[in-house]
Amino acid sequence: MSLSKAQKLIAENIRGCRLQCNFTQKELALRAGVPLSTLRKFEQQGVISLESLLKILMVLGMLERVVEATKTDKPAFKSIDEVIALNNAPKRKRGSRT
């Protein structure tokens, strides 16, 4: 999937949720604390800042699902040795340089 297609699909999904909640664009923008022009541009083009998107998601009750979707999977262990090795390994704070 391309980034532009993903942007448009996300905007369509958010618009659908807004309509399902029976909010006008003006009501949602006011509740989320984002300019109406920002919400309109988002719904039409899929363009929005992360902060504004998160505010809209919070009002629509979708923020927790998005946060959950970005969590990394915990590894499935095959032995107790793998658990011990993971617990003793230093925690990564940066990506490796290549």
Protein backbone atom coordinates (compact mmCIF):
# COMPACT_ATOMS: atom_id res chain seq x y z
CA MET A 1 0.00 0.00 0.00
CA SER A 2 1.33 3.45 -0.84
CA LEU A 3 1.59 6.22 1.71
CA SER A 4 -0.89 8.43 -0.15
CA LYS A 5 -3.44 5.60 -0.27
CA ALA A 6 -2.95 4.95 3.45
CA GLN A 7 -3.43 8.67 4.21
CA LYS A 8 -6.68 8.77 2.25
CA LEU A 9 -7.99 5.56 3.82
CA ILE A 10 -7.22 6.79 7.33
CA ALA A 11 -8.95 10.10 6.57
CA GLU A 12 -12.00 8.23 5.22
CA ASN A 13 -12.11 6.00 8.31
CA ILE A 14 -11.91 9.00 10.64
CA ARG A 15 -14.61 10.79 8.65
CA GLY A 16 -16.84 7.71 8.89
CA CYS A 17 -16.30 7.56 12.64
CA ARG A 18 -17.11 11.28 12.92
CA LEU A 19 -20.37 10.74 11.05
CA GLN A 20 -21.19 7.68 13.14
CA CYS A 21 -20.72 9.82 16.26
CA ASN A 22 -23.06 12.35 14.64
CA PHE A 23 -20.52 15.19 14.80
CA THR A 24 -20.30 17.93 12.21
CA GLN A 25 -16.82 18.93 11.13
CA LYS A 26 -17.21 22.11 13.16
CA GLU A 27 -18.23 20.19 16.32
CA LEU A 28 -15.35 17.74 16.07
CA ALA A 29 -12.83 20.50 15.39
CA LEU A 30 -14.07 22.44 18.40
CA ARG A 31 -14.04 19.43 20.73
CA ALA A 32 -10.57 18.38 19.55
CA GLY A 33 -9.14 21.87 19.71
CA VAL A 34 -7.99 21.87 16.10
CA PRO A 35 -8.82 24.49 13.47
CA LEU A 36 -11.79 23.63 11.27
CA SER A 37 -9.60 24.20 8.21
CA THR A 38 -7.19 21.53 9.49
CA LEU A 39 -9.99 18.98 9.87
CA ARG A 40 -11.39 19.81 6.43
CA LYS A 41 -7.98 19.46 4.80
CA PHE A 42 -7.45 16.16 6.59
CA GLU A 43 -10.77 14.72 5.46
CA GLN A 44 -10.21 15.87 1.87
CA GLN A 45 -6.49 15.18 1.41
CA GLY A 46 -5.37 13.07 4.37
CA VAL A 47 -2.83 15.71 5.43
CA ILE A 48 -2.56 16.51 9.15
CA SER A 49 0.01 16.84 11.92
CA LEU A 50 0.43 13.97 14.35
CA GLU A 51 -0.64 16.14 17.29
CA SER A 52 -3.88 17.19 15.57
CA LEU A 53 -4.61 13.61 14.54
CA LEU A 54 -4.13 12.39 18.10
CA LYS A 55 -6.49 15.08 19.41
CA ILE A 56 -9.16 14.01 16.92
CA LEU A 57 -8.65 10.34 17.77
CA MET A 58 -9.03 11.12 21.48
CA VAL A 59 -12.40 12.81 20.93
CA LEU A 60 -13.61 9.94 18.76
CA GLY A 61 -12.52 7.34 21.34
CA MET A 62 -9.95 5.79 19.01
CA LEU A 63 -6.70 6.90 20.62
CA GLU A 64 -6.17 3.78 22.71
CA ARG A 65 -6.59 1.51 19.67
CA VAL A 66 -4.00 3.45 17.69
CA VAL A 67 -1.54 3.38 20.58
CA GLU A 68 -2.14 -0.36 20.96
CA ALA A 69 -1.57 -0.89 17.22
CA THR A 70 1.91 0.64 17.48
CA LYS A 71 3.15 -1.62 20.27
CA THR A 72 5.95 -4.02 19.42
CA ASP A 73 5.30 -7.71 19.77
CA LYS A 74 6.97 -9.47 22.66
CA PRO A 75 9.06 -12.42 21.54
CA ALA A 76 7.82 -15.94 22.02
CA PHE A 77 10.36 -17.84 24.11
CA LYS A 78 11.40 -21.39 23.37
CA SER A 79 13.38 -21.95 26.54
CA ILE A 80 14.13 -20.45 29.95
CA ASP A 81 17.62 -19.63 28.67
CA GLU A 82 16.12 -17.20 26.14
CA VAL A 83 14.17 -15.46 28.92
CA ILE A 84 17.28 -15.12 31.07
CA ALA A 85 19.35 -13.86 28.12
CA LEU A 86 16.73 -11.24 27.25
CA ASN A 87 16.49 -10.01 30.84
CA ASN A 88 20.29 -9.74 31.10
CA ALA A 89 20.72 -7.99 27.74
CA PRO A 90 21.18 -4.22 27.82
CA LYS A 91 18.07 -2.27 26.77
CA ARG A 92 18.41 -0.57 23.37
CA LYS A 93 18.04 3.19 23.41
CA ARG A 94 19.15 3.89 19.83
CA GLY A 95 19.28 2.22 16.48
CA SER A 96 22.57 0.78 15.28
CA ARG A 97 24.76 2.79 12.95
CA THR A 98 25.21 1.36 9.50
